[in-house]
Amino acid sequence: MSEVQPLTESSVIEYVKQREVYDKVFRRAEDLQAEQITEGNVNLLFRVYSAAAPKEKSVIVKQALPYAWRYPDFKMPVDRSRIEYEVLKIEGTYCPEQVPILYDYDEERHILIIEDLNRHLVMREGLMQQKRYPHVDRHMGIFMARTLFYTSDLYLSSGEKKAMVPRFINPVLCKVQEDLVFTQPYIEHPNNRYTPKLEPQVRAIYADDDLRSEIFMFKERYMTHAQALIHNDLHTGSIMLNEEETKVVDPEFAFFGPMAHDIGTYFANLALSYAAQEYHARDPQERADYRAWLADLIVRTWNIFEEEFLRLWEEEGNEDWPSPTFRRKYMHQLLQDTAGFGAAEMMRRLIGLAHVHDFWTIEDEDVRATAESLGLNIAKAWIKNHSKVGRIEDIVEMVVEAKPEI
C-alpha cells in the first residue's frame, strides 16, 4: 500500500469538493478557501470555508499521519483516526449535544471532516479570561455520566462489552500516557522540565517513594481496569464551549480504561486553572471570586454526574449487580480514584513534559513558580489523602486549603 500523502492548503480544497460534505455544507458552486490550523502538535488540521460566508459555511478537516506532524521522528499509529471516528459516533449516540457533528471519515487516507466550532472558545482559554459558563457543570456532568455508563459492564452485557474492548485497544497512545502521566514526573528523567524555583519541591517528590508508590497504584489501574470507554485526554483543552453549548473534542487517545481517569483529568485541569489565577486574575477580589466559582464548579459537576449516573444505573442497568450497597461502594471508590488520577494529571502538567497554556504564558518566573507551587501542593494533597475522601467537598477543601511553598 502506497504511503498516504499529507494534505496541503491547496489539496484539501479539492479533497473536500470530492466528498459528500461539499453538498451537505457548501451546496456546491462555492468558492472555497482553506487555512492550516497550527495549534495542534499531532495531526494536520485545516479549516475549509466558503469565501462568501466563512463563519456560516465551514468545516474542520483532520488528517492523521504515521507520525506527529510537528515531530516527524515521533511515530504514531494512523488507526487513531478510526478510533476517534468510532468514539465520536458512540458519544453522539448518547450525548449528541456535547460532541461536534461528524460529516465524513475516509479510512484509506485517515481523514475526518467535522463541524467547525468557530462560535466556541477552548475552555482553557476561557478560564484564563475568568469567563463563567452557566451550563458547563450540567453539560460535563451529563456527558461523563452517559459516555461512561453506557460503555460499562453496568449497562452492556458481558459479551457486548468484551466484544467492544478490542476495537479500542490503543497501545501507542496509552503508552504515551503511562510514561508522561504515571512514570516520568516522579523520577529523574530527561523529558521532565519545570520552573527552576520549583527545584526543592521537585527534589522532594523524587525522594518520596510513598508518593511514587501511590501514583504507581493508579498507573496499574490505568493499565488494567477496563471499566468503560474513556476519552483518555479529557482536559480543558479538549473542550470547546460558549455560554450556551459545550463540545468535547479530540478523543483519539480513547480506550477501555478506568472511569475516574476522565473525571480526575477534568477536575485536575479545573484545579490547575484555580492555581494559575495567581497570574491571570490580577485583582485580588476578582481572583478570590473566580477561584470560588471554579471550586464550586467541581462540586456541582460531580453532583450532577453522580445523580445522572445513578439514575441510569437504576433505570437502564443490567441485572448483573443486584446490590444497593455495591452501588454506594462503587461510587465511593470512583470518587476516591478521581482524586488519585487527578493528582497524576496535575503533576505531569507542572513538572513533566507536556505543560499547559495556563502556566507557560506567565512570563514572570516568580509569579509562575508561585502558581505552579500551589498546583503541586494541591496534587500532593489529592494523592496522599485520596483514600480518606468521602465526599466531593473533601477534594475541593484540599484545593482551597493548599498554599504555595514559594
Protein backbone atom coordinates (compact mmCIF):
# COMPACT_ATOMS: atom_id res chain seq x y z
CA MET A 1 0.00 0.00 0.00
CA SER A 2 1.46 3.39 -1.03
CA GLU A 3 2.16 6.00 1.59
CA VAL A 4 -0.70 8.43 2.16
CA GLN A 5 0.16 11.95 1.07
CA PRO A 6 -0.36 14.73 3.60
CA LEU A 7 -2.97 17.30 2.72
CA THR A 8 -1.96 20.87 1.95
CA GLU A 9 -3.93 24.12 1.93
CA SER A 10 -4.49 23.70 -1.80
CA SER A 11 -5.14 19.96 -1.95
CA VAL A 12 -7.58 20.00 0.97
CA ILE A 13 -9.96 22.19 -1.04
CA GLU A 14 -10.03 19.73 -3.91
CA TYR A 15 -10.41 16.90 -1.44
CA VAL A 16 -13.48 18.48 0.19
CA LYS A 17 -15.04 19.07 -3.23
CA GLN A 18 -14.90 15.32 -3.86
CA ARG A 19 -16.70 14.38 -0.65
CA GLU A 20 -20.39 14.41 0.26
CA VAL A 21 -19.80 17.25 2.69
CA TYR A 22 -19.48 19.57 -0.33
CA ASP A 23 -23.19 19.08 -0.90
CA LYS A 24 -24.18 18.98 2.78
CA VAL A 25 -22.45 22.14 3.92
CA PHE A 26 -21.39 24.11 0.89
CA ARG A 27 -24.18 23.36 -1.62
CA ARG A 28 -21.50 23.02 -4.30
CA ALA A 29 -20.84 26.07 -6.51
CA GLU A 30 -18.99 27.62 -3.56
CA ASP A 31 -15.65 29.38 -3.79
CA LEU A 32 -13.74 27.52 -1.08
CA GLN A 33 -10.70 28.67 0.84
CA ALA A 34 -8.54 26.86 3.37
CA GLU A 35 -6.16 27.66 6.19
CA GLN A 36 -4.00 25.37 8.24
CA ILE A 37 -4.64 25.44 11.99
CA THR A 38 -1.24 25.34 13.63
CA GLU A 39 -2.14 24.88 17.31
CA GLY A 40 -2.03 21.08 17.20
CA ASN A 41 1.16 19.05 17.50
CA VAL A 42 -0.08 15.64 16.40
CA ASN A 43 -2.45 15.89 13.43
CA LEU A 44 -2.78 18.03 10.35
CA LEU A 45 -5.73 20.38 10.82
CA PHE A 46 -7.37 22.61 8.25
CA ARG A 47 -10.34 24.93 8.24
CA VAL A 48 -12.11 24.88 4.88
CA TYR A 49 -14.68 27.62 4.40
CA SER A 50 -16.82 29.46 1.92
CA ALA A 51 -15.29 32.73 0.78
CA ALA A 52 -18.78 34.25 0.73
CA ALA A 53 -19.85 33.01 4.18
CA PRO A 54 -16.73 31.97 6.14
CA LYS A 55 -18.46 31.75 9.53
CA GLU A 56 -21.68 30.09 8.40
CA LYS A 57 -20.23 27.55 5.97
CA SER A 58 -17.03 25.88 7.15
CA VAL A 59 -15.65 22.52 8.30
CA ILE A 60 -12.57 21.18 10.03
CA VAL A 61 -10.50 18.58 8.17
CA LYS A 62 -8.24 16.46 10.36
CA GLN A 63 -5.68 14.05 8.94
CA ALA A 64 -3.71 11.50 10.96
CA LEU A 65 -0.20 10.85 9.67
CA PRO A 66 2.04 7.94 10.74
CA TYR A 67 3.94 10.43 12.89
CA ALA A 68 3.28 13.62 14.85
CA TRP A 69 3.32 16.26 12.15
CA ARG A 70 5.35 18.70 14.24
CA TYR A 71 7.74 15.95 15.37
CA PRO A 72 8.28 13.57 12.42
CA ASP A 73 10.60 11.33 14.46
CA PHE A 74 7.74 10.55 16.86
CA LYS A 75 5.91 7.68 15.16
CA MET A 76 2.20 7.29 15.79
CA PRO A 77 -0.45 4.84 14.55
CA VAL A 78 -2.82 6.18 11.90
CA ASP A 79 -5.52 3.96 13.41
CA ARG A 80 -6.08 6.74 15.92
CA SER A 81 -8.32 8.43 13.35
CA ARG A 82 -10.53 5.35 13.16
CA ILE A 83 -10.74 5.24 16.95
CA GLU A 84 -11.66 8.93 17.07
CA TYR A 85 -14.35 8.39 14.44
CA GLU A 86 -15.93 5.46 16.27
CA VAL A 87 -15.77 7.20 19.64
CA LEU A 88 -17.43 10.32 18.23
CA LYS A 89 -20.21 8.13 16.87
CA ILE A 90 -20.73 6.45 20.24
CA GLU A 91 -20.62 9.73 22.13
CA GLY A 92 -23.00 11.24 19.60
CA THR A 93 -25.48 8.44 20.28
CA TYR A 94 -25.70 9.23 23.99
CA CYS A 95 -24.72 12.92 24.13
CA PRO A 96 -25.32 14.45 20.70
CA GLU A 97 -25.33 17.99 22.07
CA GLN A 98 -21.86 17.60 23.59
CA VAL A 99 -19.92 16.45 20.51
CA PRO A 100 -19.25 18.09 17.14
CA ILE A 101 -21.17 16.98 14.06
CA LEU A 102 -19.29 14.21 12.25
CA TYR A 103 -19.56 14.72 8.50
CA ASP A 104 -17.18 12.20 7.00
CA TYR A 105 -14.47 9.64 7.65
CA ASP A 106 -12.01 8.48 5.00
CA GLU A 107 -10.50 5.23 6.22
CA GLU A 108 -7.94 5.00 3.40
CA ARG A 109 -6.47 8.46 3.95
CA HIS A 110 -7.19 8.65 7.71
CA ILE A 111 -9.17 11.87 7.39
CA LEU A 112 -12.05 13.15 9.49
CA ILE A 113 -14.30 16.01 8.49
CA ILE A 114 -16.15 17.50 11.44
CA GLU A 115 -18.11 20.56 12.47
CA ASP A 116 -16.17 23.81 12.72
CA LEU A 117 -16.76 25.06 16.26
CA ASN A 118 -15.94 28.64 15.32
CA ARG A 119 -18.60 30.01 17.66
CA HIS A 120 -16.87 28.34 20.61
CA LEU A 121 -13.74 29.04 22.65
CA VAL A 122 -11.31 26.48 24.02
CA MET A 123 -12.30 26.12 27.68
CA ARG A 124 -8.73 26.57 28.92
CA GLU A 125 -8.55 29.97 27.24
CA GLY A 126 -11.94 30.99 28.63
CA LEU A 127 -10.88 30.12 32.17
CA MET A 128 -7.71 32.17 31.73
CA GLN A 129 -10.01 35.12 30.97
CA GLN A 130 -12.25 34.45 34.01
CA LYS A 131 -15.23 33.60 31.83
CA ARG A 132 -18.13 31.87 33.57
CA TYR A 133 -20.16 29.27 31.75
CA PRO A 134 -23.61 28.77 33.29
CA HIS A 135 -24.27 25.33 31.79
CA VAL A 136 -20.86 23.64 31.74
CA ASP A 137 -21.47 21.88 35.06
CA ARG A 138 -24.57 20.13 33.70
CA HIS A 139 -23.12 19.55 30.24
CA MET A 140 -19.91 17.91 31.51
CA GLY A 141 -21.60 16.03 34.35
CA ILE A 142 -24.13 14.53 31.94
CA PHE A 143 -21.50 13.86 29.27
CA MET A 144 -19.25 11.92 31.63
CA ALA A 145 -22.13 10.03 33.24
CA ARG A 146 -23.62 8.87 29.95
CA THR A 147 -20.48 8.09 27.98
CA LEU A 148 -19.02 6.13 30.89
CA PHE A 149 -22.18 4.33 32.00
CA TYR A 150 -23.32 3.23 28.54
CA THR A 151 -19.93 1.70 27.71
CA SER A 152 -19.53 -0.12 31.03
CA ASP A 153 -20.40 -3.56 32.39
CA LEU A 154 -23.18 -1.89 34.36
CA TYR A 155 -25.14 -1.41 31.14
CA LEU A 156 -23.67 -3.68 28.47
CA SER A 157 -23.94 -7.43 28.63
CA SER A 158 -20.71 -9.25 29.39
CA GLY A 159 -20.46 -10.41 25.77
CA GLU A 160 -21.16 -6.96 24.29
CA LYS A 161 -18.56 -5.30 26.47
CA LYS A 162 -15.86 -7.87 25.73
CA ALA A 163 -16.54 -7.58 22.01
CA MET A 164 -16.09 -3.80 22.15
CA VAL A 165 -12.82 -3.71 24.07
CA PRO A 166 -10.53 -4.97 21.24
CA ARG A 167 -11.87 -2.34 18.82
CA PHE A 168 -10.34 0.35 21.03
CA ILE A 169 -7.02 -1.13 22.01
CA ASN A 170 -4.76 1.90 21.65
CA PRO A 171 -1.29 0.74 22.75
CA VAL A 172 0.91 3.54 21.44
CA LEU A 173 -1.15 6.43 22.77
CA CYS A 174 -1.76 4.59 26.05
CA LYS A 175 1.99 4.10 26.39
CA VAL A 176 2.41 7.86 25.98
CA GLN A 177 0.11 8.37 28.97
CA GLU A 178 1.75 5.60 31.01
CA ASP A 179 5.11 7.30 30.58
CA LEU A 180 4.24 11.01 30.68
CA VAL A 181 1.50 10.87 33.34
CA PHE A 182 2.37 7.96 35.61
CA THR A 183 6.14 7.37 35.43
CA GLN A 184 8.50 10.11 34.32
CA PRO A 185 7.38 13.06 36.53
CA TYR A 186 8.27 11.13 39.72
CA ILE A 187 11.84 10.18 38.81
CA GLU A 188 14.86 11.89 37.30
CA HIS A 189 14.10 11.84 33.59
CA PRO A 190 15.38 13.92 30.63
CA ASN A 191 11.82 14.63 29.47
CA ASN A 192 10.92 16.46 32.68
CA ARG A 193 11.06 20.23 32.71
CA TYR A 194 9.95 22.73 35.30
CA THR A 195 10.48 26.26 36.54
CA PRO A 196 13.86 26.33 38.34
CA LYS A 197 12.39 27.77 41.53
CA LEU A 198 10.38 24.57 41.95
CA GLU A 199 13.60 22.60 42.39
CA PRO A 200 13.17 21.94 46.15
CA GLN A 201 9.60 20.66 45.67
CA VAL A 202 10.58 18.54 42.69
CA ARG A 203 13.51 17.00 44.58
CA ALA A 204 11.18 16.21 47.47
CA ILE A 205 8.81 14.43 45.06
CA TYR A 206 11.66 12.40 43.56
CA ALA A 207 12.69 11.36 47.08
CA ASP A 208 9.16 10.46 48.22
CA ASP A 209 8.77 6.79 47.43
CA ASP A 210 5.48 6.66 49.34
CA LEU A 211 4.03 9.24 46.95
CA ARG A 212 5.52 7.42 43.97
CA SER A 213 4.03 4.14 45.16
CA GLU A 214 0.57 5.71 45.31
CA ILE A 215 0.96 7.08 41.78
CA PHE A 216 2.05 3.64 40.62
CA MET A 217 -1.10 2.13 42.14
CA PHE A 218 -3.05 4.36 39.78
CA LYS A 219 -0.71 3.56 36.91
CA GLU A 220 -1.55 -0.11 37.41
CA ARG A 221 -5.29 0.68 37.46
CA TYR A 222 -4.89 2.73 34.30
CA MET A 223 -3.24 -0.24 32.59
CA THR A 224 -5.62 -2.96 33.81
CA HIS A 225 -9.07 -1.55 34.74
CA ALA A 226 -11.13 -1.64 31.54
CA GLN A 227 -14.23 -0.17 33.18
CA ALA A 228 -15.56 1.90 30.28
CA LEU A 229 -14.63 3.58 27.01
CA ILE A 230 -12.85 6.68 28.28
CA HIS A 231 -11.80 9.79 26.38
CA ASN A 232 -8.35 9.45 28.00
CA ASP A 233 -7.39 13.10 27.43
CA LEU A 234 -10.34 14.97 28.91
CA HIS A 235 -8.71 18.26 29.85
CA THR A 236 -9.92 21.82 29.34
CA GLY A 237 -8.02 21.99 26.05
CA SER A 238 -10.29 19.22 24.69
CA ILE A 239 -13.49 21.13 25.48
CA MET A 240 -14.88 23.95 23.35
CA LEU A 241 -17.78 25.98 24.62
CA ASN A 242 -19.72 29.20 24.88
CA GLU A 243 -22.37 30.34 27.31
CA GLU A 244 -24.97 28.00 25.81
CA GLU A 245 -23.07 24.99 24.37
CA THR A 246 -20.29 22.62 25.39
CA LYS A 247 -18.50 20.32 22.93
CA VAL A 248 -15.93 17.64 23.78
CA VAL A 249 -13.38 17.04 21.02
CA ASP A 250 -10.25 15.01 20.17
CA PRO A 251 -10.98 11.53 21.60
CA GLU A 252 -8.14 9.89 19.65
CA PHE A 253 -6.50 8.64 22.88
CA ALA A 254 -9.66 6.71 23.81
CA PHE A 255 -9.58 3.13 25.08
CA PHE A 256 -11.32 0.99 27.68
CA GLY A 257 -9.87 2.22 30.95
CA PRO A 258 -10.80 3.45 34.43
CA MET A 259 -13.71 5.87 34.57
CA ALA A 260 -12.04 8.04 37.21
CA HIS A 261 -9.23 8.88 34.81
CA ASP A 262 -11.60 11.01 32.73
CA ILE A 263 -13.26 12.62 35.75
CA GLY A 264 -9.97 13.18 37.55
CA THR A 265 -8.28 14.66 34.48
CA TYR A 266 -11.10 17.16 34.01
CA PHE A 267 -11.19 18.17 37.67
CA ALA A 268 -7.38 18.41 37.74
CA ASN A 269 -7.43 20.95 34.94
CA LEU A 270 -10.02 23.00 36.80
CA ALA A 271 -7.70 22.89 39.82
CA LEU A 272 -4.76 23.92 37.61
CA SER A 273 -6.80 26.89 36.44
CA TYR A 274 -7.51 27.69 40.09
CA ALA A 275 -3.77 27.80 40.79
CA ALA A 276 -2.94 29.78 37.63
CA GLN A 277 -5.37 32.56 38.57
CA GLU A 278 -2.43 33.82 40.67
CA TYR A 279 -1.43 35.49 37.42
CA HIS A 280 -4.50 35.57 35.20
CA ALA A 281 -6.81 37.28 37.72
CA ARG A 282 -4.72 40.28 38.75
CA ASP A 283 -7.24 41.89 41.09
CA PRO A 284 -7.25 40.05 44.45
CA GLN A 285 -11.03 40.18 44.85
CA GLU A 286 -11.61 39.04 41.27
CA ARG A 287 -9.13 36.20 41.87
CA ALA A 288 -10.88 35.10 45.05
CA ASP A 289 -14.32 35.23 43.43
CA TYR A 290 -13.25 33.30 40.36
CA ARG A 291 -11.43 30.69 42.40
CA ALA A 292 -14.60 30.22 44.44
CA TRP A 293 -16.53 29.70 41.19
CA LEU A 294 -14.02 27.10 39.99
CA ALA A 295 -14.13 25.24 43.30
CA ASP A 296 -17.92 25.22 43.24
CA LEU A 297 -17.85 24.06 39.61
CA ILE A 298 -16.04 20.88 40.68
CA VAL A 299 -18.68 20.19 43.35
CA ARG A 300 -21.63 20.89 41.07
CA THR A 301 -20.21 18.82 38.21
CA TRP A 302 -19.62 15.77 40.43
CA ASN A 303 -23.09 16.04 41.97
CA ILE A 304 -24.72 16.19 38.53
CA PHE A 305 -22.53 13.33 37.32
CA GLU A 306 -23.38 11.17 40.32
CA GLU A 307 -27.11 11.88 40.10
CA GLU A 308 -27.25 11.07 36.39
CA PHE A 309 -25.00 8.00 36.67
CA LEU A 310 -27.11 6.51 39.46
CA ARG A 311 -30.32 7.35 37.61
CA LEU A 312 -29.08 5.49 34.53
CA TRP A 313 -27.93 2.58 36.67
CA GLU A 314 -31.34 2.36 38.34
CA GLU A 315 -33.39 2.72 35.16
CA GLU A 316 -31.24 1.09 32.48
CA GLY A 317 -28.62 -1.01 34.23
CA ASN A 318 -28.42 -4.72 33.51
CA GLU A 319 -29.37 -7.25 36.17
CA ASP A 320 -25.84 -8.38 36.98
CA TRP A 321 -25.38 -6.12 40.04
CA PRO A 322 -28.38 -6.56 42.39
CA SER A 323 -26.94 -4.77 45.43
CA PRO A 324 -27.66 -1.20 46.61
CA THR A 325 -24.66 -1.46 48.95
CA PHE A 326 -22.42 -2.28 45.99
CA ARG A 327 -23.65 0.86 44.21
CA ARG A 328 -22.68 3.01 47.17
CA LYS A 329 -19.26 1.37 47.42
CA TYR A 330 -18.76 1.72 43.66
CA MET A 331 -19.45 5.46 43.68
CA HIS A 332 -17.30 5.95 46.77
CA GLN A 333 -14.37 4.18 45.12
CA LEU A 334 -14.92 6.18 41.95
CA LEU A 335 -14.70 9.45 43.89
CA GLN A 336 -11.51 8.40 45.68
CA ASP A 337 -9.95 7.27 42.40
CA THR A 338 -10.89 10.62 40.87
CA ALA A 339 -8.61 12.33 43.38
CA GLY A 340 -5.75 9.94 42.64
CA PHE A 341 -5.94 10.20 38.87
CA GLY A 342 -6.41 13.96 39.14
CA ALA A 343 -3.21 14.27 41.16
CA ALA A 344 -1.21 12.45 38.48
CA GLU A 345 -2.61 14.73 35.78
CA MET A 346 -1.71 17.86 37.72
CA MET A 347 1.84 16.77 38.43
CA ARG A 348 2.57 15.80 34.85
CA ARG A 349 1.38 19.22 33.67
CA LEU A 350 3.65 21.00 36.16
CA ILE A 351 6.89 19.00 36.29
CA GLY A 352 6.65 16.52 33.40
CA LEU A 353 6.91 17.04 29.66
CA ALA A 354 3.51 18.30 28.48
CA HIS A 355 2.80 21.62 30.17
CA VAL A 356 -0.32 23.74 29.68
CA HIS A 357 -1.08 27.21 28.45
CA ASP A 358 -2.33 28.32 31.89
CA PHE A 359 1.26 28.42 33.16
CA TRP A 360 3.68 28.72 30.28
CA THR A 361 2.07 32.03 29.27
CA ILE A 362 3.21 33.51 32.61
CA GLU A 363 6.47 35.30 31.79
CA ASP A 364 7.26 36.43 35.33
CA GLU A 365 9.11 33.44 36.74
CA ASP A 366 8.34 34.33 40.36
CA VAL A 367 4.60 34.51 39.73
CA ARG A 368 4.68 31.36 37.59
CA ALA A 369 6.60 29.46 40.26
CA THR A 370 4.14 30.57 42.95
CA ALA A 371 1.17 29.39 40.88
CA GLU A 372 2.86 26.10 39.98
CA SER A 373 3.91 25.50 43.59
CA LEU A 374 0.28 25.85 44.65
CA GLY A 375 -0.75 23.38 41.93
CA LEU A 376 1.86 20.87 43.08
CA ASN A 377 0.66 21.06 46.67
CA ILE A 378 -2.95 20.53 45.60
CA ALA A 379 -1.82 17.45 43.69
CA LYS A 380 0.20 16.15 46.64
CA ALA A 381 -2.80 16.58 48.92
CA TRP A 382 -5.04 14.68 46.49
CA ILE A 383 -2.71 11.71 46.07
CA LYS A 384 -1.73 11.42 49.73
CA ASN A 385 -5.31 11.70 51.00
CA HIS A 386 -7.35 10.03 48.25
CA SER A 387 -8.24 7.08 50.47
CA LYS A 388 -9.75 9.45 53.05
CA VAL A 389 -12.10 11.15 50.59
CA GLY A 390 -15.74 10.54 51.45
CA ARG A 391 -17.46 13.36 49.57
CA ILE A 392 -16.63 15.73 46.75
CA GLU A 393 -16.27 18.59 49.21
CA ASP A 394 -13.22 16.82 50.67
CA ILE A 395 -11.46 17.11 47.30
CA VAL A 396 -12.37 20.77 46.97
CA GLU A 397 -11.29 21.59 50.52
CA MET A 398 -7.82 20.34 49.64
CA VAL A 399 -7.78 22.81 46.75
CA VAL A 400 -8.91 25.75 48.86
CA GLU A 401 -6.63 24.98 51.80
CA ALA A 402 -3.45 24.39 49.79
CA LYS A 403 -0.67 27.01 49.93
CA PRO A 404 2.33 27.60 47.69
CA GLU A 405 5.81 27.00 49.09
CA ILE A 406 7.29 29.93 47.17
